[in-house]
Amino acid sequence: EESFLAHGHAVLDGVLAQPALGALQVLLQEASIYFRFGRGAGSGYLVALLEDGLASPVLAAVASDLRRALPRLLGPLGPAAGGLCEARAWKADNSHLLVPPGPPALPGLDPVG
């Protein structure tokens, strides 16, 4: 918090306890809430939005704990302060890597067609 207030940026590395980090990783890696983002099927990214299914008790707990730990950055606590209002998770779309190349060509036989 002090670093951010002094310099305008901070790195929050190792801020989550292992159980919280593990629960968040399971949520983000195994969720089926991602959809294609951008124009066309080849945009290369999938996104999950809070309002489209990303909202979860795990994410709410992480947001609440961060607000409690960083009150000067993230504002006051309490029902009137509101909660997490926007969150996005991104994944690279590697589905093109899952398409098998097709059957191997047989020696001496060319497809006709």
PDB file of N, CA and C in Angstrom:
ATOM      1  N   GLU A   1       0.837  -1.188   0.000  1.00  0.00           N
ATOM      2  CA  GLU A   1       0.000   0.000   0.000  1.00  0.00           C
ATOM      3  C   GLU A   1       0.883   1.253   0.000  1.00  0.00           C
ATOM      4  N   GLU A   2       1.911   1.249   0.832  1.00  0.00           N
ATOM      5  CA  GLU A   2       2.802   2.406   0.901  1.00  0.00           C
ATOM      6  C   GLU A   2       3.502   2.649  -0.438  1.00  0.00           C
ATOM      7  N   SER A   3       3.950   1.564  -1.079  1.00  0.00           N
ATOM      8  CA  SER A   3       4.636   1.686  -2.365  1.00  0.00           C
ATOM      9  C   SER A   3       3.716   2.278  -3.425  1.00  0.00           C
ATOM     10  N   PHE A   4       2.472   1.836  -3.439  1.00  0.00           N
ATOM     11  CA  PHE A   4       1.537   2.359  -4.425  1.00  0.00           C
ATOM     12  C   PHE A   4       1.267   3.838  -4.178  1.00  0.00           C
ATOM     13  N   LEU A   5       1.047   4.191  -2.936  1.00  0.00           N
ATOM     14  CA  LEU A   5       0.765   5.588  -2.614  1.00  0.00           C
ATOM     15  C   LEU A   5       1.958   6.481  -2.918  1.00  0.00           C
ATOM     16  N   ALA A   6       3.168   5.980  -2.732  1.00  0.00           N
ATOM     17  CA  ALA A   6       4.369   6.771  -2.974  1.00  0.00           C
ATOM     18  C   ALA A   6       4.761   6.834  -4.446  1.00  0.00           C
ATOM     19  N   HIS A   7       4.579   5.711  -5.175  1.00  0.00           N
ATOM     20  CA  HIS A   7       5.108   5.622  -6.540  1.00  0.00           C
ATOM     21  C   HIS A   7       4.041   5.446  -7.621  1.00  0.00           C
ATOM     22  N   GLY A   8       2.805   5.182  -7.227  1.00  0.00           N
ATOM     23  CA  GLY A   8       1.743   5.001  -8.211  1.00  0.00           C
ATOM     24  C   GLY A   8       1.616   3.590  -8.747  1.00  0.00           C
ATOM     25  N   HIS A   9       2.449   2.672  -8.265  1.00  0.00           N
ATOM     26  CA  HIS A   9       2.344   1.272  -8.661  1.00  0.00           C
ATOM     27  C   HIS A   9       2.932   0.397  -7.559  1.00  0.00           C
ATOM     28  N   ALA A  10       2.535  -0.849  -7.560  1.00  0.00           N
ATOM     29  CA  ALA A  10       3.046  -1.808  -6.584  1.00  0.00           C
ATOM     30  C   ALA A  10       2.873  -3.209  -7.143  1.00  0.00           C
ATOM     31  N   VAL A  11       3.702  -4.119  -6.706  1.00  0.00           N
ATOM     32  CA  VAL A  11       3.597  -5.527  -7.077  1.00  0.00           C
ATOM     33  C   VAL A  11       3.080  -6.279  -5.867  1.00  0.00           C
ATOM     34  N   LEU A  12       2.008  -7.023  -6.050  1.00  0.00           N
ATOM     35  CA  LEU A  12       1.433  -7.822  -4.969  1.00  0.00           C
ATOM     36  C   LEU A  12       1.772  -9.284  -5.210  1.00  0.00           C
ATOM     37  N   ASP A  13       3.013  -9.632  -4.994  1.00  0.00           N
ATOM     38  CA  ASP A  13       3.478 -10.996  -5.208  1.00  0.00           C
ATOM     39  C   ASP A  13       3.428 -11.743  -3.884  1.00  0.00           C
ATOM     40  N   GLY A  14       2.846 -12.926  -3.887  1.00  0.00           N
ATOM     41  CA  GLY A  14       2.776 -13.735  -2.679  1.00  0.00           C
ATOM     42  C   GLY A  14       1.759 -13.232  -1.673  1.00  0.00           C
ATOM     43  N   VAL A  15       0.799 -12.448  -2.124  1.00  0.00           N
ATOM     44  CA  VAL A  15      -0.165 -11.850  -1.201  1.00  0.00           C
ATOM     45  C   VAL A  15      -1.244 -12.837  -0.761  1.00  0.00           C
ATOM     46  N   LEU A  16      -1.512 -13.855  -1.563  1.00  0.00           N
ATOM     47  CA  LEU A  16      -2.556 -14.826  -1.220  1.00  0.00           C
ATOM     48  C   LEU A  16      -1.962 -16.035  -0.505  1.00  0.00           C
ATOM     49  N   ALA A  17      -2.650 -16.486   0.529  1.00  0.00           N
ATOM     50  CA  ALA A  17      -2.261 -17.727   1.201  1.00  0.00           C
ATOM     51  C   ALA A  17      -2.489 -18.887   0.232  1.00  0.00           C
ATOM     52  N   GLN A  18      -1.762 -19.974   0.396  1.00  0.00           N
ATOM     53  CA  GLN A  18      -1.845 -21.106  -0.528  1.00  0.00           C
ATOM     54  C   GLN A  18      -3.264 -21.651  -0.705  1.00  0.00           C
ATOM     55  N   PRO A  19      -4.078 -21.789   0.356  1.00  0.00           N
ATOM     56  CA  PRO A  19      -5.445 -22.277   0.136  1.00  0.00           C
ATOM     57  C   PRO A  19      -6.278 -21.339  -0.746  1.00  0.00           C
ATOM     58  N   ALA A  20      -6.143 -20.034  -0.540  1.00  0.00           N
ATOM     59  CA  ALA A  20      -6.886 -19.069  -1.365  1.00  0.00           C
ATOM     60  C   ALA A  20      -6.385 -19.084  -2.799  1.00  0.00           C
ATOM     61  N   LEU A  21      -5.069 -19.132  -2.974  1.00  0.00           N
ATOM     62  CA  LEU A  21      -4.494 -19.181  -4.319  1.00  0.00           C
ATOM     63  C   LEU A  21      -4.932 -20.453  -5.042  1.00  0.00           C
ATOM     64  N   GLY A  22      -4.901 -21.583  -4.355  1.00  0.00           N
ATOM     65  CA  GLY A  22      -5.327 -22.842  -4.965  1.00  0.00           C
ATOM     66  C   GLY A  22      -6.784 -22.819  -5.382  1.00  0.00           C
ATOM     67  N   ALA A  23      -7.650 -22.281  -4.517  1.00  0.00           N
ATOM     68  CA  ALA A  23      -9.082 -22.200  -4.847  1.00  0.00           C
ATOM     69  C   ALA A  23      -9.308 -21.285  -6.043  1.00  0.00           C
ATOM     70  N   LEU A  24      -8.575 -20.170  -6.103  1.00  0.00           N
ATOM     71  CA  LEU A  24      -8.715 -19.243  -7.228  1.00  0.00           C
ATOM     72  C   LEU A  24      -8.196 -19.874  -8.521  1.00  0.00           C
ATOM     73  N   GLN A  25      -7.100 -20.617  -8.441  1.00  0.00           N
ATOM     74  CA  GLN A  25      -6.568 -21.301  -9.627  1.00  0.00           C
ATOM     75  C   GLN A  25      -7.557 -22.337 -10.156  1.00  0.00           C
ATOM     76  N   VAL A  26      -8.164 -23.109  -9.266  1.00  0.00           N
ATOM     77  CA  VAL A  26      -9.158 -24.101  -9.692  1.00  0.00           C
ATOM     78  C   VAL A  26     -10.321 -23.407 -10.386  1.00  0.00           C
ATOM     79  N   LEU A  27     -10.808 -22.333  -9.780  1.00  0.00           N
ATOM     80  CA  LEU A  27     -11.921 -21.581 -10.376  1.00  0.00           C
ATOM     81  C   LEU A  27     -11.559 -21.100 -11.781  1.00  0.00           C
ATOM     82  N   LEU A  28     -10.413 -20.468 -11.921  1.00  0.00           N
ATOM     83  CA  LEU A  28     -10.056 -19.844 -13.195  1.00  0.00           C
ATOM     84  C   LEU A  28      -9.609 -20.839 -14.256  1.00  0.00           C
ATOM     85  N   GLN A  29      -9.016 -21.949 -13.864  1.00  0.00           N
ATOM     86  CA  GLN A  29      -8.532 -22.917 -14.847  1.00  0.00           C
ATOM     87  C   GLN A  29      -9.604 -23.893 -15.296  1.00  0.00           C
ATOM     88  N   GLU A  30     -10.540 -24.233 -14.410  1.00  0.00           N
ATOM     89  CA  GLU A  30     -11.503 -25.277 -14.736  1.00  0.00           C
ATOM     90  C   GLU A  30     -12.891 -24.758 -15.087  1.00  0.00           C
ATOM     91  N   ALA A  31     -13.104 -23.475 -14.977  1.00  0.00           N
ATOM     92  CA  ALA A  31     -14.431 -22.913 -15.240  1.00  0.00           C
ATOM     93  C   ALA A  31     -14.797 -23.017 -16.714  1.00  0.00           C
ATOM     94  N   SER A  32     -16.081 -23.180 -16.959  1.00  0.00           N
ATOM     95  CA  SER A  32     -16.580 -23.227 -18.341  1.00  0.00           C
ATOM     96  C   SER A  32     -17.339 -21.943 -18.668  1.00  0.00           C
ATOM     97  N   ILE A  33     -16.893 -20.838 -18.127  1.00  0.00           N
ATOM     98  CA  ILE A  33     -17.592 -19.556 -18.275  1.00  0.00           C
ATOM     99  C   ILE A  33     -16.911 -18.636 -19.276  1.00  0.00           C
ATOM    100  N   TYR A  34     -15.885 -19.104 -19.939  1.00  0.00           N
ATOM    101  CA  TYR A  34     -15.138 -18.277 -20.889  1.00  0.00           C
ATOM    102  C   TYR A  34     -15.832 -18.261 -22.248  1.00  0.00           C
ATOM    103  N   PHE A  35     -15.713 -17.156 -22.941  1.00  0.00           N
ATOM    104  CA  PHE A  35     -16.249 -17.065 -24.298  1.00  0.00           C
ATOM    105  C   PHE A  35     -15.271 -16.270 -25.159  1.00  0.00           C
ATOM    106  N   ARG A  36     -15.437 -16.401 -26.465  1.00  0.00           N
ATOM    107  CA  ARG A  36     -14.537 -15.715 -27.402  1.00  0.00           C
ATOM    108  C   ARG A  36     -14.717 -14.210 -27.282  1.00  0.00           C
ATOM    109  N   PHE A  37     -13.598 -13.519 -27.318  1.00  0.00           N
ATOM    110  CA  PHE A  37     -13.614 -12.069 -27.221  1.00  0.00           C
ATOM    111  C   PHE A  37     -13.072 -11.490 -28.522  1.00  0.00           C
ATOM    112  N   GLY A  38     -13.676 -10.442 -28.981  1.00  0.00           N
ATOM    113  CA  GLY A  38     -13.184  -9.784 -30.187  1.00  0.00           C
ATOM    114  C   GLY A  38     -13.932 -10.234 -31.416  1.00  0.00           C
ATOM    115  N   ARG A  39     -13.451  -9.771 -32.535  1.00  0.00           N
ATOM    116  CA  ARG A  39     -14.116 -10.050 -33.806  1.00  0.00           C
ATOM    117  C   ARG A  39     -13.641 -11.363 -34.385  1.00  0.00           C
ATOM    118  N   GLY A  40     -14.577 -12.184 -34.752  1.00  0.00           N
ATOM    119  CA  GLY A  40     -14.257 -13.438 -35.413  1.00  0.00           C
ATOM    120  C   GLY A  40     -13.761 -14.498 -34.454  1.00  0.00           C
ATOM    121  N   ALA A  41     -13.713 -15.695 -34.945  1.00  0.00           N
ATOM    122  CA  ALA A  41     -13.328 -16.835 -34.125  1.00  0.00           C
ATOM    123  C   ALA A  41     -11.834 -16.861 -33.853  1.00  0.00           C
ATOM    124  N   GLY A  42     -11.046 -16.134 -34.612  1.00  0.00           N
ATOM    125  CA  GLY A  42      -9.599 -16.210 -34.463  1.00  0.00           C
ATOM    126  C   GLY A  42      -8.998 -15.102 -33.636  1.00  0.00           C
ATOM    127  N   SER A  43      -9.747 -14.530 -32.687  1.00  0.00           N
ATOM    128  CA  SER A  43      -9.209 -13.416 -31.919  1.00  0.00           C
ATOM    129  C   SER A  43      -8.062 -13.840 -31.005  1.00  0.00           C
ATOM    130  N   GLY A  44      -8.011 -15.101 -30.637  1.00  0.00           N
ATOM    131  CA  GLY A  44      -6.904 -15.589 -29.838  1.00  0.00           C
ATOM    132  C   GLY A  44      -7.108 -15.559 -28.340  1.00  0.00           C
ATOM    133  N   TYR A  45      -8.215 -14.970 -27.858  1.00  0.00           N
ATOM    134  CA  TYR A  45      -8.438 -14.880 -26.422  1.00  0.00           C
ATOM    135  C   TYR A  45      -9.851 -15.284 -26.052  1.00  0.00           C
ATOM    136  N   LEU A  46      -9.967 -15.825 -24.849  1.00  0.00           N
ATOM    137  CA  LEU A  46     -11.255 -16.103 -24.237  1.00  0.00           C
ATOM    138  C   LEU A  46     -11.341 -15.227 -22.997  1.00  0.00           C
ATOM    139  N   VAL A  47     -12.541 -14.778 -22.670  1.00  0.00           N
ATOM    140  CA  VAL A  47     -12.721 -13.919 -21.500  1.00  0.00           C
ATOM    141  C   VAL A  47     -13.896 -14.424 -20.674  1.00  0.00           C
ATOM    142  N   ALA A  48     -13.801 -14.234 -19.373  1.00  0.00           N
ATOM    143  CA  ALA A  48     -14.907 -14.505 -18.456  1.00  0.00           C
ATOM    144  C   ALA A  48     -15.169 -13.209 -17.696  1.00  0.00           C
ATOM    145  N   LEU A  49     -16.432 -12.831 -17.587  1.00  0.00           N
ATOM    146  CA  LEU A  49     -16.810 -11.590 -16.914  1.00  0.00           C
ATOM    147  C   LEU A  49     -17.538 -11.894 -15.619  1.00  0.00           C
ATOM    148  N   LEU A  50     -17.428 -10.989 -14.680  1.00  0.00           N
ATOM    149  CA  LEU A  50     -18.076 -11.151 -13.388  1.00  0.00           C
ATOM    150  C   LEU A  50     -19.567 -11.392 -13.565  1.00  0.00           C
ATOM    151  N   GLU A  51     -20.199 -10.586 -14.394  1.00  0.00           N
ATOM    152  CA  GLU A  51     -21.651 -10.674 -14.563  1.00  0.00           C
ATOM    153  C   GLU A  51     -22.095 -11.877 -15.395  1.00  0.00           C
ATOM    154  N   ASP A  52     -21.164 -12.552 -16.031  1.00  0.00           N
ATOM    155  CA  ASP A  52     -21.511 -13.708 -16.858  1.00  0.00           C
ATOM    156  C   ASP A  52     -21.076 -15.035 -16.252  1.00  0.00           C
ATOM    157  N   GLY A  53     -20.793 -15.056 -14.951  1.00  0.00           N
ATOM    158  CA  GLY A  53     -20.482 -16.315 -14.301  1.00  0.00           C
ATOM    159  C   GLY A  53     -19.189 -16.362 -13.519  1.00  0.00           C
ATOM    160  N   LEU A  54     -18.354 -15.358 -13.643  1.00  0.00           N
ATOM    161  CA  LEU A  54     -17.090 -15.350 -12.910  1.00  0.00           C
ATOM    162  C   LEU A  54     -17.305 -15.106 -11.417  1.00  0.00           C
ATOM    163  N   ALA A  55     -18.407 -14.459 -11.062  1.00  0.00           N
ATOM    164  CA  ALA A  55     -18.695 -14.193  -9.648  1.00  0.00           C
ATOM    165  C   ALA A  55     -18.744 -15.504  -8.879  1.00  0.00           C
ATOM    166  N   SER A  56     -18.037 -15.546  -7.765  1.00  0.00           N
ATOM    167  CA  SER A  56     -17.987 -16.758  -6.955  1.00  0.00           C
ATOM    168  C   SER A  56     -17.619 -16.381  -5.527  1.00  0.00           C
ATOM    169  N   PRO A  57     -17.919 -17.258  -4.576  1.00  0.00           N
ATOM    170  CA  PRO A  57     -17.520 -16.986  -3.192  1.00  0.00           C
ATOM    171  C   PRO A  57     -16.004 -16.805  -3.039  1.00  0.00           C
ATOM    172  N   VAL A  58     -15.220 -17.544  -3.803  1.00  0.00           N
ATOM    173  CA  VAL A  58     -13.756 -17.436  -3.720  1.00  0.00           C
ATOM    174  C   VAL A  58     -13.305 -16.041  -4.132  1.00  0.00           C
ATOM    175  N   LEU A  59     -13.789 -15.563  -5.265  1.00  0.00           N
ATOM    176  CA  LEU A  59     -13.402 -14.244  -5.748  1.00  0.00           C
ATOM    177  C   LEU A  59     -13.902 -13.147  -4.816  1.00  0.00           C
ATOM    178  N   ALA A  60     -15.110 -13.302  -4.278  1.00  0.00           N
ATOM    179  CA  ALA A  60     -15.648 -12.323  -3.328  1.00  0.00           C
ATOM    180  C   ALA A  60     -14.792 -12.282  -2.061  1.00  0.00           C
ATOM    181  N   ALA A  61     -14.342 -13.420  -1.583  1.00  0.00           N
ATOM    182  CA  ALA A  61     -13.504 -13.464  -0.376  1.00  0.00           C
ATOM    183  C   ALA A  61     -12.151 -12.809  -0.630  1.00  0.00           C
ATOM    184  N   VAL A  62     -11.550 -13.064  -1.787  1.00  0.00           N
ATOM    185  CA  VAL A  62     -10.266 -12.447  -2.127  1.00  0.00           C
ATOM    186  C   VAL A  62     -10.428 -10.933  -2.196  1.00  0.00           C
ATOM    187  N   ALA A  63     -11.478 -10.458  -2.854  1.00  0.00           N
ATOM    188  CA  ALA A  63     -11.717  -9.017  -2.967  1.00  0.00           C
ATOM    189  C   ALA A  63     -11.934  -8.389  -1.595  1.00  0.00           C
ATOM    190  N   SER A  64     -12.711  -9.047  -0.759  1.00  0.00           N
ATOM    191  CA  SER A  64     -12.976  -8.543   0.588  1.00  0.00           C
ATOM    192  C   SER A  64     -11.700  -8.482   1.422  1.00  0.00           C
ATOM    193  N   ASP A  65     -10.900  -9.529   1.353  1.00  0.00           N
ATOM    194  CA  ASP A  65      -9.648  -9.561   2.116  1.00  0.00           C
ATOM    195  C   ASP A  65      -8.671  -8.493   1.631  1.00  0.00           C
ATOM    196  N   LEU A  66      -8.618  -8.266   0.327  1.00  0.00           N
ATOM    197  CA  LEU A  66      -7.742  -7.212  -0.197  1.00  0.00           C
ATOM    198  C   LEU A  66      -8.210  -5.830   0.253  1.00  0.00           C
ATOM    199  N   ARG A  67      -9.504  -5.613   0.280  1.00  0.00           N
ATOM    200  CA  ARG A  67     -10.018  -4.321   0.769  1.00  0.00           C
ATOM    201  C   ARG A  67      -9.656  -4.115   2.229  1.00  0.00           C
ATOM    202  N   ARG A  68      -9.735  -5.185   2.997  1.00  0.00           N
ATOM    203  CA  ARG A  68      -9.406  -5.101   4.418  1.00  0.00           C
ATOM    204  C   ARG A  68      -7.909  -4.827   4.603  1.00  0.00           C
ATOM    205  N   ALA A  69      -7.078  -5.442   3.764  1.00  0.00           N
ATOM    206  CA  ALA A  69      -5.629  -5.292   3.877  1.00  0.00           C
ATOM    207  C   ALA A  69      -5.128  -3.961   3.319  1.00  0.00           C
ATOM    208  N   LEU A  70      -5.852  -3.391   2.362  1.00  0.00           N
ATOM    209  CA  LEU A  70      -5.419  -2.154   1.693  1.00  0.00           C
ATOM    210  C   LEU A  70      -6.519  -1.092   1.748  1.00  0.00           C
ATOM    211  N   PRO A  71      -6.931  -0.668   2.925  1.00  0.00           N
ATOM    212  CA  PRO A  71      -8.090   0.228   3.031  1.00  0.00           C
ATOM    213  C   PRO A  71      -7.880   1.598   2.392  1.00  0.00           C
ATOM    214  N   ARG A  72      -6.656   2.106   2.408  1.00  0.00           N
ATOM    215  CA  ARG A  72      -6.442   3.437   1.811  1.00  0.00           C
ATOM    216  C   ARG A  72      -6.487   3.389   0.291  1.00  0.00           C
ATOM    217  N   LEU A  73      -6.161   2.239  -0.287  1.00  0.00           N
ATOM    218  CA  LEU A  73      -6.210   2.096  -1.744  1.00  0.00           C
ATOM    219  C   LEU A  73      -7.584   1.708  -2.254  1.00  0.00           C
ATOM    220  N   LEU A  74      -8.213   0.789  -1.556  1.00  0.00           N
ATOM    221  CA  LEU A  74      -9.443   0.193  -2.071  1.00  0.00           C
ATOM    222  C   LEU A  74     -10.704   0.699  -1.379  1.00  0.00           C
ATOM    223  N   GLY A  75     -10.575   1.649  -0.494  1.00  0.00           N
ATOM    224  CA  GLY A  75     -11.747   2.297   0.074  1.00  0.00           C
ATOM    225  C   GLY A  75     -12.246   1.675   1.356  1.00  0.00           C
ATOM    226  N   PRO A  76     -13.305   2.277   1.892  1.00  0.00           N
ATOM    227  CA  PRO A  76     -13.856   1.825   3.170  1.00  0.00           C
ATOM    228  C   PRO A  76     -14.586   0.498   3.036  1.00  0.00           C
ATOM    229  N   LEU A  77     -14.775  -0.133   4.186  1.00  0.00           N
ATOM    230  CA  LEU A  77     -15.506  -1.390   4.231  1.00  0.00           C
ATOM    231  C   LEU A  77     -16.929  -1.134   4.679  1.00  0.00           C
ATOM    232  N   GLY A  78     -17.747  -2.134   4.587  1.00  0.00           N
ATOM    233  CA  GLY A  78     -19.128  -2.018   5.037  1.00  0.00           C
ATOM    234  C   GLY A  78     -20.094  -2.154   3.890  1.00  0.00           C
ATOM    235  N   PRO A  79     -21.366  -2.407   4.190  1.00  0.00           N
ATOM    236  CA  PRO A  79     -22.368  -2.628   3.151  1.00  0.00           C
ATOM    237  C   PRO A  79     -22.551  -1.441   2.220  1.00  0.00           C
ATOM    238  N   ALA A  80     -22.410  -0.230   2.743  1.00  0.00           N
ATOM    239  CA  ALA A  80     -22.624   0.959   1.908  1.00  0.00           C
ATOM    240  C   ALA A  80     -21.498   1.159   0.904  1.00  0.00           C
ATOM    241  N   ALA A  81     -20.330   0.581   1.178  1.00  0.00           N
ATOM    242  CA  ALA A  81     -19.181   0.767   0.296  1.00  0.00           C
ATOM    243  C   ALA A  81     -19.302  -0.040  -0.985  1.00  0.00           C
ATOM    244  N   GLY A  82     -20.175  -1.031  -0.999  1.00  0.00           N
ATOM    245  CA  GLY A  82     -20.307  -1.866  -2.182  1.00  0.00           C
ATOM    246  C   GLY A  82     -19.208  -2.907  -2.228  1.00  0.00           C
ATOM    247  N   GLY A  83     -19.264  -3.763  -3.212  1.00  0.00           N
ATOM    248  CA  GLY A  83     -18.271  -4.827  -3.324  1.00  0.00           C
ATOM    249  C   GLY A  83     -17.568  -4.756  -4.650  1.00  0.00           C
ATOM    250  N   LEU A  84     -17.067  -5.874  -5.043  1.00  0.00           N
ATOM    251  CA  LEU A  84     -16.389  -5.990  -6.321  1.00  0.00           C
ATOM    252  C   LEU A  84     -17.404  -5.741  -7.429  1.00  0.00           C
ATOM    253  N   CYS A  85     -17.147  -4.751  -8.284  1.00  0.00           N
ATOM    254  CA  CYS A  85     -18.147  -4.411  -9.309  1.00  0.00           C
ATOM    255  C   CYS A  85     -17.729  -4.852 -10.705  1.00  0.00           C
ATOM    256  N   GLU A  86     -16.449  -5.136 -10.921  1.00  0.00           N
ATOM    257  CA  GLU A  86     -16.029  -5.623 -12.235  1.00  0.00           C
ATOM    258  C   GLU A  86     -14.792  -6.490 -12.079  1.00  0.00           C
ATOM    259  N   ALA A  87     -14.776  -7.579 -12.797  1.00  0.00           N
ATOM    260  CA  ALA A  87     -13.608  -8.455 -12.837  1.00  0.00           C
ATOM    261  C   ALA A  87     -13.642  -9.206 -14.164  1.00  0.00           C
ATOM    262  N   ARG A  88     -12.474  -9.464 -14.685  1.00  0.00           N
ATOM    263  CA  ARG A  88     -12.345 -10.229 -15.926  1.00  0.00           C
ATOM    264  C   ARG A  88     -11.209 -11.221 -15.775  1.00  0.00           C
ATOM    265  N   ALA A  89     -11.380 -12.368 -16.377  1.00  0.00           N
ATOM    266  CA  ALA A  89     -10.317 -13.362 -16.447  1.00  0.00           C
ATOM    267  C   ALA A  89     -10.095 -13.659 -17.922  1.00  0.00           C
ATOM    268  N   TRP A  90      -8.857 -13.740 -18.319  1.00  0.00           N
ATOM    269  CA  TRP A  90      -8.500 -13.970 -19.721  1.00  0.00           C
ATOM    270  C   TRP A  90      -7.751 -15.281 -19.865  1.00  0.00           C
ATOM    271  N   LYS A  91      -7.976 -15.938 -20.983  1.00  0.00           N
ATOM    272  CA  LYS A  91      -7.224 -17.141 -21.351  1.00  0.00           C
ATOM    273  C   LYS A  91      -6.854 -17.029 -22.817  1.00  0.00           C
ATOM    274  N   ALA A  92      -5.727 -17.602 -23.153  1.00  0.00           N
ATOM    275  CA  ALA A  92      -5.378 -17.715 -24.569  1.00  0.00           C
ATOM    276  C   ALA A  92      -6.220 -18.828 -25.170  1.00  0.00           C
ATOM    277  N   ASP A  93      -6.705 -18.609 -26.381  1.00  0.00           N
ATOM    278  CA  ASP A  93      -7.498 -19.633 -27.075  1.00  0.00           C
ATOM    279  C   ASP A  93      -6.553 -20.536 -27.841  1.00  0.00           C
ATOM    280  N   ASN A  94      -6.294 -21.705 -27.274  1.00  0.00           N
ATOM    281  CA  ASN A  94      -5.411 -22.682 -27.910  1.00  0.00           C
ATOM    282  C   ASN A  94      -6.185 -23.811 -28.562  1.00  0.00           C
ATOM    283  N   SER A  95      -7.473 -23.601 -28.818  1.00  0.00           N
ATOM    284  CA  SER A  95      -8.289 -24.691 -29.354  1.00  0.00           C
ATOM    285  C   SER A  95      -7.794 -25.169 -30.714  1.00  0.00           C
ATOM    286  N   HIS A  96      -7.144 -24.296 -31.475  1.00  0.00           N
ATOM    287  CA  HIS A  96      -6.630 -24.728 -32.776  1.00  0.00           C
ATOM    288  C   HIS A  96      -5.527 -25.782 -32.623  1.00  0.00           C
ATOM    289  N   LEU A  97      -4.912 -25.844 -31.444  1.00  0.00           N
ATOM    290  CA  LEU A  97      -3.870 -26.846 -31.213  1.00  0.00           C
ATOM    291  C   LEU A  97      -4.447 -28.226 -30.954  1.00  0.00           C
ATOM    292  N   LEU A  98      -5.747 -28.304 -30.652  1.00  0.00           N
ATOM    293  CA  LEU A  98      -6.385 -29.579 -30.349  1.00  0.00           C
ATOM    294  C   LEU A  98      -6.891 -30.304 -31.582  1.00  0.00           C
ATOM    295  N   VAL A  99      -6.907 -29.648 -32.730  1.00  0.00           N
ATOM    296  CA  VAL A  99      -7.424 -30.244 -33.959  1.00  0.00           C
ATOM    297  C   VAL A  99      -6.373 -31.201 -34.512  1.00  0.00           C
ATOM    298  N   PRO A 100      -6.721 -32.476 -34.618  1.00  0.00           N
ATOM    299  CA  PRO A 100      -5.731 -33.423 -35.153  1.00  0.00           C
ATOM    300  C   PRO A 100      -5.436 -33.106 -36.616  1.00  0.00           C
ATOM    301  N   PRO A 101      -4.235 -33.403 -37.073  1.00  0.00           N
ATOM    302  CA  PRO A 101      -3.851 -33.062 -38.441  1.00  0.00           C
ATOM    303  C   PRO A 101      -4.532 -33.908 -39.501  1.00  0.00           C
ATOM    304  N   GLY A 102      -5.228 -34.948 -39.132  1.00  0.00           N
ATOM    305  CA  GLY A 102      -5.865 -35.829 -40.114  1.00  0.00           C
ATOM    306  C   GLY A 102      -5.108 -37.134 -40.214  1.00  0.00           C
ATOM    307  N   PRO A 103      -5.661 -38.069 -40.972  1.00  0.00           N
ATOM    308  CA  PRO A 103      -4.991 -39.378 -41.072  1.00  0.00           C
ATOM    309  C   PRO A 103      -3.668 -39.254 -41.834  1.00  0.00           C
ATOM    310  N   PRO A 104      -2.721 -40.088 -41.481  1.00  0.00           N
ATOM    311  CA  PRO A 104      -1.452 -40.044 -42.217  1.00  0.00           C
ATOM    312  C   PRO A 104      -1.641 -40.523 -43.654  1.00  0.00           C
ATOM    313  N   ALA A 105      -0.877 -39.956 -44.539  1.00  0.00           N
ATOM    314  CA  ALA A 105      -0.965 -40.353 -45.946  1.00  0.00           C
ATOM    315  C   ALA A 105      -0.309 -41.734 -46.123  1.00  0.00           C
ATOM    316  N   LEU A 106      -0.952 -42.534 -46.951  1.00  0.00           N
ATOM    317  CA  LEU A 106      -0.387 -43.838 -47.245  1.00  0.00           C
ATOM    318  C   LEU A 106       0.604 -43.694 -48.399  1.00  0.00           C
ATOM    319  N   PRO A 107       1.717 -44.370 -48.322  1.00  0.00           N
ATOM    320  CA  PRO A 107       2.723 -44.228 -49.392  1.00  0.00           C
ATOM    321  C   PRO A 107       2.163 -44.723 -50.737  1.00  0.00           C
ATOM    322  N   GLY A 108       2.365 -43.908 -51.749  1.00  0.00           N
ATOM    323  CA  GLY A 108       1.970 -44.285 -53.106  1.00  0.00           C
ATOM    324  C   GLY A 108       0.496 -44.052 -53.426  1.00  0.00           C
ATOM    325  N   LEU A 109      -0.295 -43.623 -52.472  1.00  0.00           N
ATOM    326  CA  LEU A 109      -1.708 -43.375 -52.728  1.00  0.00           C
ATOM    327  C   LEU A 109      -2.005 -41.884 -52.573  1.00  0.00           C
ATOM    328  N   ASP A 110      -2.433 -41.289 -53.640  1.00  0.00           N
ATOM    329  CA  ASP A 110      -2.813 -39.877 -53.565  1.00  0.00           C
ATOM    330  C   ASP A 110      -4.325 -39.770 -53.582  1.00  0.00           C
ATOM    331  N   PRO A 111      -4.887 -38.876 -52.776  1.00  0.00           N
ATOM    332  CA  PRO A 111      -6.343 -38.719 -52.808  1.00  0.00           C
ATOM    333  C   PRO A 111      -6.796 -38.211 -54.161  1.00  0.00           C
ATOM    334  N   VAL A 112      -7.946 -38.690 -54.608  1.00  0.00           N
ATOM    335  CA  VAL A 112      -8.532 -38.282 -55.879  1.00  0.00           C
ATOM    336  C   VAL A 112      -9.839 -37.582 -55.550  1.00  0.00           C
ATOM    337  N   GLY A 113     -10.084 -36.500 -56.242  1.00  0.00           N
ATOM    338  CA  GLY A 113     -11.356 -35.975 -55.906  1.00  0.00           C
ATOM    339  C   GLY A 113     -11.804 -34.755 -56.427  1.00  0.00           C
TER     340      GLY A 113
END
